[in-house]
Amino acid sequence: MSIFDDLKRKFTSEDEHERIDAIQAMKPHFYEKGFTCLIYEDGRMEINKIEDLHGFNAEINLFDDRFHTIEDILGEYQKQFEAHLNL
């Protein structure tokens, strides 16, 4: 049983299932771009750079309509990282 199966049991609409499938298809490509991502049962995704595993983590909601591609998600990572640096 995968986290994606767990999410589909919790979030049951067709739109939510399509979004979960899209994220599942993207997940392996994060590593290729130098990132890891953890997905939680409440629909959160935590992203961080492989070279900085104990440093900054960005967090997004899987169901946020602003994120359709890996580039969208990594752009949000960059925005959150820059905001973190400016604290």
PDB file of N, CA and C in Angstrom:
ATOM      1  N   MET A   1       0.844  -1.170   0.000  1.00  0.00           N
ATOM      2  CA  MET A   1       0.000   0.000   0.000  1.00  0.00           C
ATOM      3  C   MET A   1       0.898   1.244   0.000  1.00  0.00           C
ATOM      4  N   SER A   2       0.639   2.145  -0.902  1.00  0.00           N
ATOM      5  CA  SER A   2       1.462   3.341  -1.013  1.00  0.00           C
ATOM      6  C   SER A   2       0.749   4.548  -0.409  1.00  0.00           C
ATOM      7  N   ILE A   3       1.500   5.619  -0.227  1.00  0.00           N
ATOM      8  CA  ILE A   3       0.907   6.868   0.252  1.00  0.00           C
ATOM      9  C   ILE A   3      -0.169   7.345  -0.727  1.00  0.00           C
ATOM     10  N   PHE A   4       0.031   7.061  -2.006  1.00  0.00           N
ATOM     11  CA  PHE A   4      -0.944   7.494  -3.004  1.00  0.00           C
ATOM     12  C   PHE A   4      -2.263   6.734  -2.852  1.00  0.00           C
ATOM     13  N   ASP A   5      -2.189   5.458  -2.510  1.00  0.00           N
ATOM     14  CA  ASP A   5      -3.406   4.691  -2.224  1.00  0.00           C
ATOM     15  C   ASP A   5      -4.115   5.257  -0.997  1.00  0.00           C
ATOM     16  N   ASP A   6      -3.336   5.588   0.021  1.00  0.00           N
ATOM     17  CA  ASP A   6      -3.905   6.176   1.242  1.00  0.00           C
ATOM     18  C   ASP A   6      -4.609   7.500   0.933  1.00  0.00           C
ATOM     19  N   LEU A   7      -3.963   8.319   0.102  1.00  0.00           N
ATOM     20  CA  LEU A   7      -4.560   9.604  -0.263  1.00  0.00           C
ATOM     21  C   LEU A   7      -5.874   9.407  -1.014  1.00  0.00           C
ATOM     22  N   LYS A   8      -5.902   8.426  -1.908  1.00  0.00           N
ATOM     23  CA  LYS A   8      -7.118   8.195  -2.693  1.00  0.00           C
ATOM     24  C   LYS A   8      -8.272   7.696  -1.831  1.00  0.00           C
ATOM     25  N   ARG A   9      -7.962   7.007  -0.756  1.00  0.00           N
ATOM     26  CA  ARG A   9      -9.019   6.588   0.155  1.00  0.00           C
ATOM     27  C   ARG A   9      -9.549   7.782   0.945  1.00  0.00           C
ATOM     28  N   LYS A  10      -8.667   8.714   1.271  1.00  0.00           N
ATOM     29  CA  LYS A  10      -9.068   9.867   2.081  1.00  0.00           C
ATOM     30  C   LYS A  10      -9.734  10.960   1.231  1.00  0.00           C
ATOM     31  N   PHE A  11      -9.170  11.215   0.068  1.00  0.00           N
ATOM     32  CA  PHE A  11      -9.677  12.247  -0.844  1.00  0.00           C
ATOM     33  C   PHE A  11     -10.355  11.523  -2.004  1.00  0.00           C
ATOM     34  N   THR A  12     -11.659  11.653  -2.126  1.00  0.00           N
ATOM     35  CA  THR A  12     -12.398  10.739  -2.989  1.00  0.00           C
ATOM     36  C   THR A  12     -12.952  11.333  -4.283  1.00  0.00           C
ATOM     37  N   SER A  13     -12.855  12.632  -4.482  1.00  0.00           N
ATOM     38  CA  SER A  13     -13.418  13.195  -5.712  1.00  0.00           C
ATOM     39  C   SER A  13     -12.544  12.836  -6.918  1.00  0.00           C
ATOM     40  N   GLU A  14     -13.153  12.861  -8.081  1.00  0.00           N
ATOM     41  CA  GLU A  14     -12.423  12.556  -9.311  1.00  0.00           C
ATOM     42  C   GLU A  14     -11.284  13.546  -9.531  1.00  0.00           C
ATOM     43  N   ASP A  15     -11.542  14.829  -9.256  1.00  0.00           N
ATOM     44  CA  ASP A  15     -10.497  15.852  -9.408  1.00  0.00           C
ATOM     45  C   ASP A  15      -9.324  15.585  -8.474  1.00  0.00           C
ATOM     46  N   GLU A  16      -9.621  15.207  -7.235  1.00  0.00           N
ATOM     47  CA  GLU A  16      -8.541  14.900  -6.288  1.00  0.00           C
ATOM     48  C   GLU A  16      -7.753  13.685  -6.746  1.00  0.00           C
ATOM     49  N   HIS A  17      -8.418  12.680  -7.278  1.00  0.00           N
ATOM     50  CA  HIS A  17      -7.722  11.484  -7.763  1.00  0.00           C
ATOM     51  C   HIS A  17      -6.832  11.818  -8.966  1.00  0.00           C
ATOM     52  N   GLU A  18      -7.313  12.678  -9.842  1.00  0.00           N
ATOM     53  CA  GLU A  18      -6.492  13.101 -10.986  1.00  0.00           C
ATOM     54  C   GLU A  18      -5.245  13.822 -10.503  1.00  0.00           C
ATOM     55  N   ARG A  19      -5.403  14.664  -9.505  1.00  0.00           N
ATOM     56  CA  ARG A  19      -4.265  15.413  -8.950  1.00  0.00           C
ATOM     57  C   ARG A  19      -3.270  14.459  -8.284  1.00  0.00           C
ATOM     58  N   ILE A  20      -3.768  13.499  -7.540  1.00  0.00           N
ATOM     59  CA  ILE A  20      -2.897  12.513  -6.888  1.00  0.00           C
ATOM     60  C   ILE A  20      -2.131  11.723  -7.941  1.00  0.00           C
ATOM     61  N   ASP A  21      -2.801  11.304  -9.012  1.00  0.00           N
ATOM     62  CA  ASP A  21      -2.130  10.569 -10.095  1.00  0.00           C
ATOM     63  C   ASP A  21      -1.045  11.418 -10.746  1.00  0.00           C
ATOM     64  N   ALA A  22      -1.323  12.710 -10.944  1.00  0.00           N
ATOM     65  CA  ALA A  22      -0.334  13.603 -11.563  1.00  0.00           C
ATOM     66  C   ALA A  22       0.901  13.742 -10.679  1.00  0.00           C
ATOM     67  N   ILE A  23       0.692  13.917  -9.386  1.00  0.00           N
ATOM     68  CA  ILE A  23       1.830  14.038  -8.463  1.00  0.00           C
ATOM     69  C   ILE A  23       2.609  12.735  -8.414  1.00  0.00           C
ATOM     70  N   GLN A  24       1.902  11.611  -8.419  1.00  0.00           N
ATOM     71  CA  GLN A  24       2.575  10.310  -8.399  1.00  0.00           C
ATOM     72  C   GLN A  24       3.467  10.154  -9.634  1.00  0.00           C
ATOM     73  N   ALA A  25       2.995  10.606 -10.790  1.00  0.00           N
ATOM     74  CA  ALA A  25       3.788  10.523 -12.012  1.00  0.00           C
ATOM     75  C   ALA A  25       5.002  11.454 -11.961  1.00  0.00           C
ATOM     76  N   MET A  26       4.876  12.589 -11.283  1.00  0.00           N
ATOM     77  CA  MET A  26       5.981  13.551 -11.186  1.00  0.00           C
ATOM     78  C   MET A  26       7.058  13.124 -10.191  1.00  0.00           C
ATOM     79  N   LYS A  27       6.658  12.420  -9.152  1.00  0.00           N
ATOM     80  CA  LYS A  27       7.531  12.165  -8.006  1.00  0.00           C
ATOM     81  C   LYS A  27       8.927  11.665  -8.382  1.00  0.00           C
ATOM     82  N   PRO A  28       9.088  10.685  -9.279  1.00  0.00           N
ATOM     83  CA  PRO A  28      10.443  10.220  -9.596  1.00  0.00           C
ATOM     84  C   PRO A  28      11.333  11.285 -10.245  1.00  0.00           C
ATOM     85  N   HIS A  29      10.726  12.265 -10.881  1.00  0.00           N
ATOM     86  CA  HIS A  29      11.490  13.283 -11.597  1.00  0.00           C
ATOM     87  C   HIS A  29      12.084  14.353 -10.677  1.00  0.00           C
ATOM     88  N   PHE A  30      11.573  14.451  -9.454  1.00  0.00           N
ATOM     89  CA  PHE A  30      12.168  15.389  -8.506  1.00  0.00           C
ATOM     90  C   PHE A  30      13.621  15.031  -8.241  1.00  0.00           C
ATOM     91  N   TYR A  31      13.891  13.747  -8.076  1.00  0.00           N
ATOM     92  CA  TYR A  31      15.255  13.295  -7.787  1.00  0.00           C
ATOM     93  C   TYR A  31      16.193  13.662  -8.937  1.00  0.00           C
ATOM     94  N   GLU A  32      15.713  13.513 -10.160  1.00  0.00           N
ATOM     95  CA  GLU A  32      16.521  13.873 -11.337  1.00  0.00           C
ATOM     96  C   GLU A  32      16.907  15.348 -11.313  1.00  0.00           C
ATOM     97  N   LYS A  33      16.073  16.172 -10.709  1.00  0.00           N
ATOM     98  CA  LYS A  33      16.325  17.614 -10.642  1.00  0.00           C
ATOM     99  C   LYS A  33      17.044  18.023  -9.360  1.00  0.00           C
ATOM    100  N   GLY A  34      17.436  17.024  -8.541  1.00  0.00           N
ATOM    101  CA  GLY A  34      18.207  17.321  -7.335  1.00  0.00           C
ATOM    102  C   GLY A  34      17.378  17.577  -6.093  1.00  0.00           C
ATOM    103  N   PHE A  35      16.145  17.102  -6.073  1.00  0.00           N
ATOM    104  CA  PHE A  35      15.243  17.331  -4.947  1.00  0.00           C
ATOM    105  C   PHE A  35      14.654  16.018  -4.450  1.00  0.00           C
ATOM    106  N   THR A  36      14.230  16.032  -3.217  1.00  0.00           N
ATOM    107  CA  THR A  36      13.427  14.940  -2.673  1.00  0.00           C
ATOM    108  C   THR A  36      12.065  15.511  -2.314  1.00  0.00           C
ATOM    109  N   CYS A  37      11.082  14.641  -2.242  1.00  0.00           N
ATOM    110  CA  CYS A  37       9.780  15.105  -1.764  1.00  0.00           C
ATOM    111  C   CYS A  37       9.151  14.009  -0.922  1.00  0.00           C
ATOM    112  N   LEU A  38       8.577  14.444   0.166  1.00  0.00           N
ATOM    113  CA  LEU A  38       7.826  13.564   1.045  1.00  0.00           C
ATOM    114  C   LEU A  38       6.366  13.957   0.939  1.00  0.00           C
ATOM    115  N   ILE A  39       5.504  12.967   0.866  1.00  0.00           N
ATOM    116  CA  ILE A  39       4.086  13.229   0.745  1.00  0.00           C
ATOM    117  C   ILE A  39       3.394  12.646   1.970  1.00  0.00           C
ATOM    118  N   TYR A  40       2.537  13.454   2.561  1.00  0.00           N
ATOM    119  CA  TYR A  40       1.860  13.078   3.795  1.00  0.00           C
ATOM    120  C   TYR A  40       0.382  12.808   3.551  1.00  0.00           C
ATOM    121  N   GLU A  41      -0.221  12.055   4.454  1.00  0.00           N
ATOM    122  CA  GLU A  41      -1.622  11.646   4.313  1.00  0.00           C
ATOM    123  C   GLU A  41      -2.612  12.797   4.328  1.00  0.00           C
ATOM    124  N   ASP A  42      -2.200  13.946   4.835  1.00  0.00           N
ATOM    125  CA  ASP A  42      -3.119  15.094   4.856  1.00  0.00           C
ATOM    126  C   ASP A  42      -3.047  15.930   3.577  1.00  0.00           C
ATOM    127  N   GLY A  43      -2.253  15.468   2.599  1.00  0.00           N
ATOM    128  CA  GLY A  43      -2.164  16.162   1.324  1.00  0.00           C
ATOM    129  C   GLY A  43      -1.055  17.180   1.227  1.00  0.00           C
ATOM    130  N   ARG A  44      -0.169  17.195   2.218  1.00  0.00           N
ATOM    131  CA  ARG A  44       0.989  18.104   2.164  1.00  0.00           C
ATOM    132  C   ARG A  44       2.142  17.402   1.452  1.00  0.00           C
ATOM    133  N   MET A  45       2.949  18.199   0.771  1.00  0.00           N
ATOM    134  CA  MET A  45       4.178  17.696   0.178  1.00  0.00           C
ATOM    135  C   MET A  45       5.319  18.577   0.660  1.00  0.00           C
ATOM    136  N   GLU A  46       6.361  17.943   1.158  1.00  0.00           N
ATOM    137  CA  GLU A  46       7.544  18.649   1.646  1.00  0.00           C
ATOM    138  C   GLU A  46       8.667  18.400   0.646  1.00  0.00           C
ATOM    139  N   ILE A  47       9.336  19.472   0.235  1.00  0.00           N
ATOM    140  CA  ILE A  47      10.372  19.397  -0.787  1.00  0.00           C
ATOM    141  C   ILE A  47      11.662  19.971  -0.228  1.00  0.00           C
ATOM    142  N   ASN A  48      12.771  19.285  -0.505  1.00  0.00           N
ATOM    143  CA  ASN A  48      14.061  19.885  -0.171  1.00  0.00           C
ATOM    144  C   ASN A  48      15.123  19.420  -1.151  1.00  0.00           C
ATOM    145  N   LYS A  49      16.217  20.177  -1.178  1.00  0.00           N
ATOM    146  CA  LYS A  49      17.330  19.833  -2.064  1.00  0.00           C
ATOM    147  C   LYS A  49      18.083  18.660  -1.477  1.00  0.00           C
ATOM    148  N   ILE A  50      18.495  17.756  -2.349  1.00  0.00           N
ATOM    149  CA  ILE A  50      19.242  16.584  -1.907  1.00  0.00           C
ATOM    150  C   ILE A  50      20.525  17.001  -1.203  1.00  0.00           C
ATOM    151  N   GLU A  51      21.188  18.029  -1.705  1.00  0.00           N
ATOM    152  CA  GLU A  51      22.454  18.471  -1.114  1.00  0.00           C
ATOM    153  C   GLU A  51      22.269  19.154   0.236  1.00  0.00           C
ATOM    154  N   ASP A  52      21.029  19.435   0.611  1.00  0.00           N
ATOM    155  CA  ASP A  52      20.742  20.167   1.839  1.00  0.00           C
ATOM    156  C   ASP A  52      19.613  19.487   2.615  1.00  0.00           C
ATOM    157  N   LEU A  53      19.712  18.172   2.819  1.00  0.00           N
ATOM    158  CA  LEU A  53      18.620  17.407   3.409  1.00  0.00           C
ATOM    159  C   LEU A  53      18.250  17.841   4.816  1.00  0.00           C
ATOM    160  N   HIS A  54      19.175  18.438   5.545  1.00  0.00           N
ATOM    161  CA  HIS A  54      18.874  18.860   6.913  1.00  0.00           C
ATOM    162  C   HIS A  54      18.659  20.363   7.006  1.00  0.00           C
ATOM    163  N   GLY A  55      18.472  20.986   5.852  1.00  0.00           N
ATOM    164  CA  GLY A  55      18.275  22.430   5.833  1.00  0.00           C
ATOM    165  C   GLY A  55      16.837  22.802   5.593  1.00  0.00           C
ATOM    166  N   PHE A  56      16.620  23.713   4.667  1.00  0.00           N
ATOM    167  CA  PHE A  56      15.301  24.280   4.392  1.00  0.00           C
ATOM    168  C   PHE A  56      14.387  23.273   3.695  1.00  0.00           C
ATOM    169  N   ASN A  57      13.139  23.216   4.127  1.00  0.00           N
ATOM    170  CA  ASN A  57      12.095  22.424   3.479  1.00  0.00           C
ATOM    171  C   ASN A  57      10.963  23.345   3.070  1.00  0.00           C
ATOM    172  N   ALA A  58      10.535  23.265   1.814  1.00  0.00           N
ATOM    173  CA  ALA A  58       9.334  23.980   1.375  1.00  0.00           C
ATOM    174  C   ALA A  58       8.157  23.038   1.530  1.00  0.00           C
ATOM    175  N   GLU A  59       6.999  23.608   1.740  1.00  0.00           N
ATOM    176  CA  GLU A  59       5.805  22.793   1.906  1.00  0.00           C
ATOM    177  C   GLU A  59       4.697  23.339   1.019  1.00  0.00           C
ATOM    178  N   ILE A  60       4.040  22.445   0.282  1.00  0.00           N
ATOM    179  CA  ILE A  60       2.895  22.844  -0.521  1.00  0.00           C
ATOM    180  C   ILE A  60       1.742  21.878  -0.258  1.00  0.00           C
ATOM    181  N   ASN A  61       0.573  22.287  -0.682  1.00  0.00           N
ATOM    182  CA  ASN A  61      -0.600  21.436  -0.616  1.00  0.00           C
ATOM    183  C   ASN A  61      -0.754  20.784  -1.987  1.00  0.00           C
ATOM    184  N   LEU A  62      -0.889  19.461  -2.021  1.00  0.00           N
ATOM    185  CA  LEU A  62      -1.007  18.748  -3.287  1.00  0.00           C
ATOM    186  C   LEU A  62      -2.172  19.229  -4.141  1.00  0.00           C
ATOM    187  N   PHE A  63      -3.189  19.771  -3.498  1.00  0.00           N
ATOM    188  CA  PHE A  63      -4.405  20.136  -4.204  1.00  0.00           C
ATOM    189  C   PHE A  63      -4.471  21.616  -4.559  1.00  0.00           C
ATOM    190  N   ASP A  64      -3.362  22.326  -4.371  1.00  0.00           N
ATOM    191  CA  ASP A  64      -3.291  23.740  -4.733  1.00  0.00           C
ATOM    192  C   ASP A  64      -3.245  23.839  -6.262  1.00  0.00           C
ATOM    193  N   ASP A  65      -4.222  24.520  -6.845  1.00  0.00           N
ATOM    194  CA  ASP A  65      -4.341  24.600  -8.304  1.00  0.00           C
ATOM    195  C   ASP A  65      -3.229  25.393  -8.985  1.00  0.00           C
ATOM    196  N   ARG A  66      -2.377  26.032  -8.225  1.00  0.00           N
ATOM    197  CA  ARG A  66      -1.275  26.777  -8.840  1.00  0.00           C
ATOM    198  C   ARG A  66      -0.164  25.869  -9.348  1.00  0.00           C
ATOM    199  N   PHE A  67      -0.153  24.613  -8.917  1.00  0.00           N
ATOM    200  CA  PHE A  67       0.973  23.729  -9.217  1.00  0.00           C
ATOM    201  C   PHE A  67       0.542  22.598 -10.144  1.00  0.00           C
ATOM    202  N   HIS A  68       0.946  22.726 -11.421  1.00  0.00           N
ATOM    203  CA  HIS A  68       0.582  21.722 -12.417  1.00  0.00           C
ATOM    204  C   HIS A  68       1.785  20.952 -12.935  1.00  0.00           C
ATOM    205  N   THR A  69       2.972  21.519 -12.771  1.00  0.00           N
ATOM    206  CA  THR A  69       4.187  20.880 -13.287  1.00  0.00           C
ATOM    207  C   THR A  69       5.257  20.877 -12.197  1.00  0.00           C
ATOM    208  N   ILE A  70       6.296  20.120 -12.447  1.00  0.00           N
ATOM    209  CA  ILE A  70       7.433  20.131 -11.517  1.00  0.00           C
ATOM    210  C   ILE A  70       8.013  21.538 -11.441  1.00  0.00           C
ATOM    211  N   GLU A  71       8.062  22.210 -12.561  1.00  0.00           N
ATOM    212  CA  GLU A  71       8.607  23.564 -12.580  1.00  0.00           C
ATOM    213  C   GLU A  71       7.778  24.502 -11.701  1.00  0.00           C
ATOM    214  N   ASP A  72       6.464  24.349 -11.728  1.00  0.00           N
ATOM    215  CA  ASP A  72       5.602  25.157 -10.845  1.00  0.00           C
ATOM    216  C   ASP A  72       5.953  24.900  -9.378  1.00  0.00           C
ATOM    217  N   ILE A  73       6.101  23.631  -9.038  1.00  0.00           N
ATOM    218  CA  ILE A  73       6.389  23.254  -7.652  1.00  0.00           C
ATOM    219  C   ILE A  73       7.771  23.727  -7.237  1.00  0.00           C
ATOM    220  N   LEU A  74       8.763  23.557  -8.104  1.00  0.00           N
ATOM    221  CA  LEU A  74      10.117  24.002  -7.760  1.00  0.00           C
ATOM    222  C   LEU A  74      10.205  25.529  -7.734  1.00  0.00           C
ATOM    223  N   GLY A  75       9.389  26.200  -8.522  1.00  0.00           N
ATOM    224  CA  GLY A  75       9.308  27.663  -8.444  1.00  0.00           C
ATOM    225  C   GLY A  75       8.783  28.104  -7.085  1.00  0.00           C
ATOM    226  N   GLU A  76       7.801  27.383  -6.578  1.00  0.00           N
ATOM    227  CA  GLU A  76       7.273  27.681  -5.237  1.00  0.00           C
ATOM    228  C   GLU A  76       8.328  27.379  -4.179  1.00  0.00           C
ATOM    229  N   TYR A  77       9.089  26.307  -4.368  1.00  0.00           N
ATOM    230  CA  TYR A  77      10.195  26.006  -3.447  1.00  0.00           C
ATOM    231  C   TYR A  77      11.126  27.217  -3.398  1.00  0.00           C
ATOM    232  N   GLN A  78      11.499  27.736  -4.572  1.00  0.00           N
ATOM    233  CA  GLN A  78      12.423  28.870  -4.641  1.00  0.00           C
ATOM    234  C   GLN A  78      11.851  30.101  -3.946  1.00  0.00           C
ATOM    235  N   LYS A  79      10.561  30.378  -4.147  1.00  0.00           N
ATOM    236  CA  LYS A  79       9.922  31.529  -3.481  1.00  0.00           C
ATOM    237  C   LYS A  79       9.975  31.370  -1.962  1.00  0.00           C
ATOM    238  N   GLN A  80       9.633  30.175  -1.488  1.00  0.00           N
ATOM    239  CA  GLN A  80       9.652  29.948  -0.041  1.00  0.00           C
ATOM    240  C   GLN A  80      11.072  30.012   0.502  1.00  0.00           C
ATOM    241  N   PHE A  81      12.039  29.510  -0.254  1.00  0.00           N
ATOM    242  CA  PHE A  81      13.438  29.554   0.169  1.00  0.00           C
ATOM    243  C   PHE A  81      13.917  31.000   0.281  1.00  0.00           C
ATOM    244  N   GLU A  82      13.612  31.810  -0.726  1.00  0.00           N
ATOM    245  CA  GLU A  82      14.026  33.215  -0.696  1.00  0.00           C
ATOM    246  C   GLU A  82      13.356  33.956   0.459  1.00  0.00           C
ATOM    247  N   ALA A  83      12.095  33.673   0.720  1.00  0.00           N
ATOM    248  CA  ALA A  83      11.410  34.305   1.861  1.00  0.00           C
ATOM    249  C   ALA A  83      12.063  33.883   3.168  1.00  0.00           C
ATOM    250  N   HIS A  84      12.484  32.636   3.250  1.00  0.00           N
ATOM    251  CA  HIS A  84      13.166  32.125   4.432  1.00  0.00           C
ATOM    252  C   HIS A  84      14.492  32.863   4.656  1.00  0.00           C
ATOM    253  N   LEU A  85      15.221  33.113   3.574  1.00  0.00           N
ATOM    254  CA  LEU A  85      16.501  33.817   3.679  1.00  0.00           C
ATOM    255  C   LEU A  85      16.324  35.259   4.123  1.00  0.00           C
ATOM    256  N   ASN A  86      15.195  35.841   3.777  1.00  0.00           N
ATOM    257  CA  ASN A  86      14.935  37.247   4.099  1.00  0.00           C
ATOM    258  C   ASN A  86      14.347  37.463   5.491  1.00  0.00           C
ATOM    259  N   LEU A  87      14.196  36.392   6.270  1.00  0.00           N
ATOM    260  CA  LEU A  87      13.624  36.536   7.612  1.00  0.00           C
ATOM    261  C   LEU A  87      14.501  37.339   8.513  1.00  0.00           C
TER     262      LEU A  87
END
